[in-house]
Amino acid sequence: RAYEHNGDRPFASLIADSITMVDPAEMTARELFREMARRKLFRTPVRGESARKDQFFMSIANPGCAEAKRNADGSLDRDYKYGRQPGQFAIEDTICVPMEISLLPVSSTNLIRSRLPEVWTRLNAPDSPTQ
């Protein structure tokens, strides 16, 4: 609602003054669990070398994209990031790369460590493909 681009607020008339956020993730997870149980799709636990096949990826600003406006740290400029026009498929301004803790901002690192402890453990595993 408050986003501005060239002095204009293109979304102000489209977004209500009062917004209630609804997170459907919990219900979706429950439905997925039930459906996987019904179809017997749960993975059989595996031990040993083949057990760890974790791969984590993240999107970053594409350093090879001249059109992308980037900050000094290499991240996309906020106005550029949120002001992009949809449907510009010829401009690859972000790319997916293997997640490395060293590439994450401190805030993301702290979030993963505190809220996603299993992911944090797997990211730091010695045999993790992202290390």
C-alpha atoms as a PDB file:
ATOM      1  CA  ARG A   1       0.000   0.000   0.000  1.00  0.00           C
ATOM      2  CA  ALA A   2       2.787   2.433   0.886  1.00  0.00           C
ATOM      3  CA  TYR A   3       5.103   1.355  -1.940  1.00  0.00           C
ATOM      4  CA  GLU A   4       6.091   4.320  -4.101  1.00  0.00           C
ATOM      5  CA  HIS A   5       7.577   4.339  -7.573  1.00  0.00           C
ATOM      6  CA  ASN A   6       8.407   7.686  -9.171  1.00  0.00           C
ATOM      7  CA  GLY A   7       6.155   9.435  -6.655  1.00  0.00           C
ATOM      8  CA  ASP A   8       3.203   7.197  -7.500  1.00  0.00           C
ATOM      9  CA  ARG A   9       1.546   4.606  -5.255  1.00  0.00           C
ATOM     10  CA  PRO A  10       0.309   2.089  -7.830  1.00  0.00           C
ATOM     11  CA  PHE A  11      -1.139  -0.350  -5.285  1.00  0.00           C
ATOM     12  CA  ALA A  12      -2.740   2.073  -2.810  1.00  0.00           C
ATOM     13  CA  SER A  13      -6.221   1.804  -4.311  1.00  0.00           C
ATOM     14  CA  LEU A  14      -5.978  -1.980  -4.555  1.00  0.00           C
ATOM     15  CA  ILE A  15      -5.127  -2.737  -0.923  1.00  0.00           C
ATOM     16  CA  ALA A  16      -7.530  -2.232   1.973  1.00  0.00           C
ATOM     17  CA  ASP A  17      -6.664   0.033   4.892  1.00  0.00           C
ATOM     18  CA  SER A  18      -6.899  -2.911   7.281  1.00  0.00           C
ATOM     19  CA  ILE A  19      -5.280  -6.197   6.301  1.00  0.00           C
ATOM     20  CA  THR A  20      -5.655  -9.561   8.019  1.00  0.00           C
ATOM     21  CA  MET A  21      -2.951 -12.026   7.089  1.00  0.00           C
ATOM     22  CA  VAL A  22      -3.996 -15.663   6.798  1.00  0.00           C
ATOM     23  CA  ASP A  23      -1.359 -18.378   6.707  1.00  0.00           C
ATOM     24  CA  PRO A  24      -2.772 -21.522   5.078  1.00  0.00           C
ATOM     25  CA  ALA A  25       0.437 -23.481   5.673  1.00  0.00           C
ATOM     26  CA  GLU A  26      -0.781 -25.467   8.689  1.00  0.00           C
ATOM     27  CA  MET A  27      -3.952 -26.716   6.994  1.00  0.00           C
ATOM     28  CA  THR A  28      -2.027 -27.458   3.809  1.00  0.00           C
ATOM     29  CA  ALA A  29       0.555 -29.446   5.772  1.00  0.00           C
ATOM     30  CA  ARG A  30      -2.181 -31.463   7.501  1.00  0.00           C
ATOM     31  CA  GLU A  31      -3.884 -32.226   4.182  1.00  0.00           C
ATOM     32  CA  LEU A  32      -0.575 -33.222   2.634  1.00  0.00           C
ATOM     33  CA  PHE A  33       0.257 -35.499   5.568  1.00  0.00           C
ATOM     34  CA  ARG A  34      -3.131 -37.239   5.364  1.00  0.00           C
ATOM     35  CA  GLU A  35      -2.897 -37.695   1.604  1.00  0.00           C
ATOM     36  CA  MET A  36       0.643 -39.043   1.802  1.00  0.00           C
ATOM     37  CA  ALA A  37      -0.435 -41.467   4.534  1.00  0.00           C
ATOM     38  CA  ARG A  38      -3.420 -42.587   2.469  1.00  0.00           C
ATOM     39  CA  ARG A  39      -1.188 -43.268  -0.530  1.00  0.00           C
ATOM     40  CA  LYS A  40       1.630 -44.727   1.601  1.00  0.00           C
ATOM     41  CA  LEU A  41       4.132 -42.251   0.218  1.00  0.00           C
ATOM     42  CA  PHE A  42       6.288 -41.798   3.294  1.00  0.00           C
ATOM     43  CA  ARG A  43       9.947 -42.503   2.783  1.00  0.00           C
ATOM     44  CA  THR A  44      11.464 -45.510   4.477  1.00  0.00           C
ATOM     45  CA  PRO A  45      14.273 -44.392   6.789  1.00  0.00           C
ATOM     46  CA  VAL A  46      17.711 -44.941   5.250  1.00  0.00           C
ATOM     47  CA  ARG A  47      20.929 -45.317   7.189  1.00  0.00           C
ATOM     48  CA  GLY A  48      24.504 -44.736   6.169  1.00  0.00           C
ATOM     49  CA  GLU A  49      26.039 -42.916   3.230  1.00  0.00           C
ATOM     50  CA  SER A  50      22.906 -42.734   1.103  1.00  0.00           C
ATOM     51  CA  ALA A  51      20.831 -41.264   3.930  1.00  0.00           C
ATOM     52  CA  ARG A  52      22.100 -37.693   3.555  1.00  0.00           C
ATOM     53  CA  LYS A  53      21.059 -36.216   0.244  1.00  0.00           C
ATOM     54  CA  ASP A  54      20.116 -32.735   1.427  1.00  0.00           C
ATOM     55  CA  GLN A  55      20.407 -29.922  -1.030  1.00  0.00           C
ATOM     56  CA  PHE A  56      19.423 -26.367  -0.166  1.00  0.00           C
ATOM     57  CA  PHE A  57      19.217 -23.602  -2.729  1.00  0.00           C
ATOM     58  CA  MET A  58      18.639 -19.880  -2.646  1.00  0.00           C
ATOM     59  CA  SER A  59      18.115 -17.173  -5.212  1.00  0.00           C
ATOM     60  CA  ILE A  60      20.600 -14.344  -5.504  1.00  0.00           C
ATOM     61  CA  ALA A  61      20.999 -11.353  -7.782  1.00  0.00           C
ATOM     62  CA  ASN A  62      22.512 -12.465 -11.066  1.00  0.00           C
ATOM     63  CA  PRO A  63      25.937 -10.806 -11.286  1.00  0.00           C
ATOM     64  CA  GLY A  64      25.841 -11.281 -15.067  1.00  0.00           C
ATOM     65  CA  CYS A  65      22.640  -9.287 -15.568  1.00  0.00           C
ATOM     66  CA  ALA A  66      23.458  -5.719 -16.581  1.00  0.00           C
ATOM     67  CA  GLU A  67      19.811  -4.610 -16.254  1.00  0.00           C
ATOM     68  CA  ALA A  68      19.574  -5.554 -12.572  1.00  0.00           C
ATOM     69  CA  LYS A  69      20.241  -2.698 -10.170  1.00  0.00           C
ATOM     70  CA  ARG A  70      22.262  -4.027  -7.254  1.00  0.00           C
ATOM     71  CA  ASN A  71      23.368  -2.723  -3.889  1.00  0.00           C
ATOM     72  CA  ALA A  72      27.012  -2.627  -2.847  1.00  0.00           C
ATOM     73  CA  ASP A  73      26.608  -6.038  -1.171  1.00  0.00           C
ATOM     74  CA  GLY A  74      25.388  -7.566  -4.441  1.00  0.00           C
ATOM     75  CA  SER A  75      21.724  -7.853  -3.463  1.00  0.00           C
ATOM     76  CA  LEU A  76      18.991  -6.424  -5.654  1.00  0.00           C
ATOM     77  CA  ASP A  77      18.169  -2.782  -5.062  1.00  0.00           C
ATOM     78  CA  ARG A  78      14.844  -2.580  -3.183  1.00  0.00           C
ATOM     79  CA  ASP A  79      13.156  -0.232  -5.668  1.00  0.00           C
ATOM     80  CA  TYR A  80      14.340  -2.373  -8.567  1.00  0.00           C
ATOM     81  CA  LYS A  81      13.306  -5.621  -6.864  1.00  0.00           C
ATOM     82  CA  TYR A  82       9.768  -4.523  -6.046  1.00  0.00           C
ATOM     83  CA  GLY A  83       9.309  -2.255  -9.045  1.00  0.00           C
ATOM     84  CA  ARG A  84       9.973  -4.858 -11.726  1.00  0.00           C
ATOM     85  CA  GLN A  85       7.279  -5.430 -14.291  1.00  0.00           C
ATOM     86  CA  PRO A  86       5.895  -8.965 -14.459  1.00  0.00           C
ATOM     87  CA  GLY A  87       6.439 -11.001 -17.590  1.00  0.00           C
ATOM     88  CA  GLN A  88       9.993  -9.854 -18.307  1.00  0.00           C
ATOM     89  CA  PHE A  89      11.212 -13.394 -18.909  1.00  0.00           C
ATOM     90  CA  ALA A  90      14.170 -12.337 -21.041  1.00  0.00           C
ATOM     91  CA  ILE A  91      15.770 -10.628 -18.032  1.00  0.00           C
ATOM     92  CA  GLU A  92      17.313 -13.199 -15.708  1.00  0.00           C
ATOM     93  CA  ASP A  93      18.082 -10.899 -12.798  1.00  0.00           C
ATOM     94  CA  THR A  94      18.160 -13.670 -10.205  1.00  0.00           C
ATOM     95  CA  ILE A  95      19.704 -17.118 -10.269  1.00  0.00           C
ATOM     96  CA  CYS A  96      19.426 -20.159  -8.004  1.00  0.00           C
ATOM     97  CA  VAL A  97      22.632 -21.292  -6.359  1.00  0.00           C
ATOM     98  CA  PRO A  98      23.474 -23.854  -3.672  1.00  0.00           C
ATOM     99  CA  MET A  99      22.832 -22.297  -0.270  1.00  0.00           C
ATOM    100  CA  GLU A 100      25.949 -21.477   1.669  1.00  0.00           C
ATOM    101  CA  ILE A 101      25.858 -19.992   5.128  1.00  0.00           C
ATOM    102  CA  SER A 102      28.571 -17.548   4.103  1.00  0.00           C
ATOM    103  CA  LEU A 103      26.226 -16.068   1.460  1.00  0.00           C
ATOM    104  CA  LEU A 104      23.340 -15.475   3.860  1.00  0.00           C
ATOM    105  CA  PRO A 105      22.702 -12.193   5.631  1.00  0.00           C
ATOM    106  CA  VAL A 106      23.133 -12.402   9.404  1.00  0.00           C
ATOM    107  CA  SER A 107      19.371 -12.010   9.881  1.00  0.00           C
ATOM    108  CA  SER A 108      18.686 -15.046   7.676  1.00  0.00           C
ATOM    109  CA  THR A 109      21.390 -17.063   9.398  1.00  0.00           C
ATOM    110  CA  ASN A 110      19.862 -16.278  12.793  1.00  0.00           C
ATOM    111  CA  LEU A 111      16.371 -17.102  11.535  1.00  0.00           C
ATOM    112  CA  ILE A 112      17.439 -20.499  10.204  1.00  0.00           C
ATOM    113  CA  ARG A 113      19.401 -21.281  13.369  1.00  0.00           C
ATOM    114  CA  SER A 114      16.525 -20.385  15.699  1.00  0.00           C
ATOM    115  CA  ARG A 115      13.407 -21.320  13.717  1.00  0.00           C
ATOM    116  CA  LEU A 116      14.667 -24.148  11.496  1.00  0.00           C
ATOM    117  CA  PRO A 117      17.092 -26.067  13.709  1.00  0.00           C
ATOM    118  CA  GLU A 118      16.996 -29.247  11.601  1.00  0.00           C
ATOM    119  CA  VAL A 119      17.837 -27.269   8.458  1.00  0.00           C
ATOM    120  CA  TRP A 120      20.602 -25.487  10.382  1.00  0.00           C
ATOM    121  CA  THR A 121      22.034 -28.837  11.487  1.00  0.00           C
ATOM    122  CA  ARG A 122      21.943 -30.185   7.954  1.00  0.00           C
ATOM    123  CA  LEU A 123      23.481 -27.040   6.482  1.00  0.00           C
ATOM    124  CA  ASN A 124      26.375 -27.435   8.899  1.00  0.00           C
ATOM    125  CA  ALA A 125      26.797 -31.183   8.426  1.00  0.00           C
ATOM    126  CA  PRO A 126      30.334 -32.113   7.337  1.00  0.00           C
ATOM    127  CA  ASP A 127      29.052 -34.176   4.401  1.00  0.00           C
ATOM    128  CA  SER A 128      26.554 -31.543   3.272  1.00  0.00           C
ATOM    129  CA  PRO A 129      26.875 -30.836  -0.465  1.00  0.00           C
ATOM    130  CA  THR A 130      26.571 -27.114   0.251  1.00  0.00           C
ATOM    131  CA  GLN A 131      29.734 -26.929   2.355  1.00  0.00           C
END
